[in-house]
C-alpha atoms as a PDB file:
ATOM      1  CA  MET A   1       0.000   0.000   0.000  1.00  0.00           C
ATOM      2  CA  LYS A   2       1.340   3.423  -0.966  1.00  0.00           C
ATOM      3  CA  LEU A   3       0.953   6.632   0.960  1.00  0.00           C
ATOM      4  CA  ASP A   4      -1.041   9.489  -0.549  1.00  0.00           C
ATOM      5  CA  GLU A   5      -1.280  13.217   0.192  1.00  0.00           C
ATOM      6  CA  LYS A   6      -3.653  12.704   3.127  1.00  0.00           C
ATOM      7  CA  SER A   7      -1.408  10.051   4.675  1.00  0.00           C
ATOM      8  CA  VAL A   8       1.689  12.242   4.496  1.00  0.00           C
ATOM      9  CA  GLY A   9      -0.286  15.023   6.196  1.00  0.00           C
ATOM     10  CA  ILE A  10      -0.984  12.736   9.143  1.00  0.00           C
ATOM     11  CA  ILE A  11       2.631  11.557   9.239  1.00  0.00           C
ATOM     12  CA  SER A  12       3.876  15.142   9.018  1.00  0.00           C
ATOM     13  CA  GLU A  13       1.883  16.179  12.081  1.00  0.00           C
ATOM     14  CA  ALA A  14       3.352  13.268  14.050  1.00  0.00           C
ATOM     15  CA  VAL A  15       6.921  13.945  12.901  1.00  0.00           C
ATOM     16  CA  VAL A  16       6.724  17.648  13.764  1.00  0.00           C
ATOM     17  CA  ALA A  17       6.172  16.676  17.397  1.00  0.00           C
ATOM     18  CA  ASN A  18       8.656  13.768  17.421  1.00  0.00           C
ATOM     19  CA  ASN A  19      11.993  14.663  18.998  1.00  0.00           C
ATOM     20  CA  ALA A  20      13.567  11.232  18.502  1.00  0.00           C
ATOM     21  CA  LEU A  21      13.080  10.539  14.786  1.00  0.00           C
ATOM     22  CA  ASP A  22      16.167  11.263  12.698  1.00  0.00           C
ATOM     23  CA  THR A  23      15.342   9.447   9.424  1.00  0.00           C
ATOM     24  CA  LEU A  24      12.132   9.399   7.390  1.00  0.00           C
ATOM     25  CA  ILE A  25      11.874   7.475   4.127  1.00  0.00           C
ATOM     26  CA  LEU A  26       8.866   8.355   1.973  1.00  0.00           C
ATOM     27  CA  SER A  27      10.293   7.323  -1.416  1.00  0.00           C
ATOM     28  CA  GLY A  28       8.052   5.637  -3.953  1.00  0.00           C
ATOM     29  CA  ASN A  29       4.799   7.117  -2.654  1.00  0.00           C
ATOM     30  CA  GLU A  30       2.381   9.361  -4.533  1.00  0.00           C
ATOM     31  CA  LEU A  31       2.649  12.457  -2.362  1.00  0.00           C
ATOM     32  CA  GLY A  32       2.011  15.110  -5.015  1.00  0.00           C
ATOM     33  CA  ASN A  33       2.184  18.837  -4.428  1.00  0.00           C
ATOM     34  CA  THR A  34      -0.105  18.817  -1.390  1.00  0.00           C
ATOM     35  CA  GLY A  35       2.233  16.258   0.146  1.00  0.00           C
ATOM     36  CA  ALA A  36       5.102  18.634  -0.629  1.00  0.00           C
ATOM     37  CA  HIS A  37       3.382  21.301   1.468  1.00  0.00           C
ATOM     38  CA  TYR A  38       3.189  18.900   4.396  1.00  0.00           C
ATOM     39  CA  ILE A  39       6.841  17.936   3.939  1.00  0.00           C
ATOM     40  CA  ALA A  40       7.805  21.630   3.955  1.00  0.00           C
ATOM     41  CA  LYS A  41       5.948  22.098   7.246  1.00  0.00           C
ATOM     42  CA  LEU A  42       7.658  19.035   8.661  1.00  0.00           C
ATOM     43  CA  ILE A  43      11.098  20.376   7.712  1.00  0.00           C
ATOM     44  CA  ARG A  44      10.305  23.818   9.093  1.00  0.00           C
ATOM     45  CA  PHE A  45       9.320  22.621  12.569  1.00  0.00           C
ATOM     46  CA  ASN A  46      11.165  19.341  13.245  1.00  0.00           C
ATOM     47  CA  THR A  47      14.678  19.966  14.584  1.00  0.00           C
ATOM     48  CA  THR A  48      15.942  16.386  14.856  1.00  0.00           C
ATOM     49  CA  LEU A  49      15.263  14.967  11.388  1.00  0.00           C
ATOM     50  CA  SER A  50      18.574  14.683   9.549  1.00  0.00           C
ATOM     51  CA  THR A  51      17.586  12.412   6.631  1.00  0.00           C
ATOM     52  CA  LEU A  52      14.467  12.772   4.514  1.00  0.00           C
ATOM     53  CA  ASP A  53      14.153  10.543   1.434  1.00  0.00           C
ATOM     54  CA  CYS A  54      11.296  11.535  -0.855  1.00  0.00           C
ATOM     55  CA  HIS A  55      12.564  10.560  -4.290  1.00  0.00           C
ATOM     56  CA  ASN A  56      10.088   9.182  -6.816  1.00  0.00           C
ATOM     57  CA  CYS A  57       7.124  10.697  -4.955  1.00  0.00           C
ATOM     58  CA  ASP A  58       5.316  12.425  -7.817  1.00  0.00           C
ATOM     59  CA  LEU A  59       6.562  15.850  -6.695  1.00  0.00           C
ATOM     60  CA  THR A  60       6.698  18.594  -9.320  1.00  0.00           C
ATOM     61  CA  GLN A  61       8.028  22.109  -9.570  1.00  0.00           C
ATOM     62  CA  SER A  62       4.518  23.488 -10.078  1.00  0.00           C
ATOM     63  CA  GLY A  63       3.660  23.361  -6.383  1.00  0.00           C
ATOM     64  CA  ASP A  64       4.544  26.452  -4.374  1.00  0.00           C
ATOM     65  CA  VAL A  65       5.483  25.497  -0.838  1.00  0.00           C
ATOM     66  CA  ASN A  66       5.043  29.113   0.196  1.00  0.00           C
ATOM     67  CA  ASP A  67       1.276  28.766  -0.195  1.00  0.00           C
ATOM     68  CA  GLY A  68       1.132  26.988   3.152  1.00  0.00           C
ATOM     69  CA  VAL A  69      -0.998  24.064   4.209  1.00  0.00           C
END
């Protein structure tokens, strides 16, 4: 089962509050541009995550992460 935009939103909220997680692998999931917004929020607020793998996640340059979630 692959994650979608809604799933990554739920994961993002959990990771923002997680002070122990240092690696998150999301590769191969269909996150799309809405998922990119959630990932941007995650990066902005989580201070312990050092590795984030989101290759092959259907992300494009058309999404503007500055739009917010």
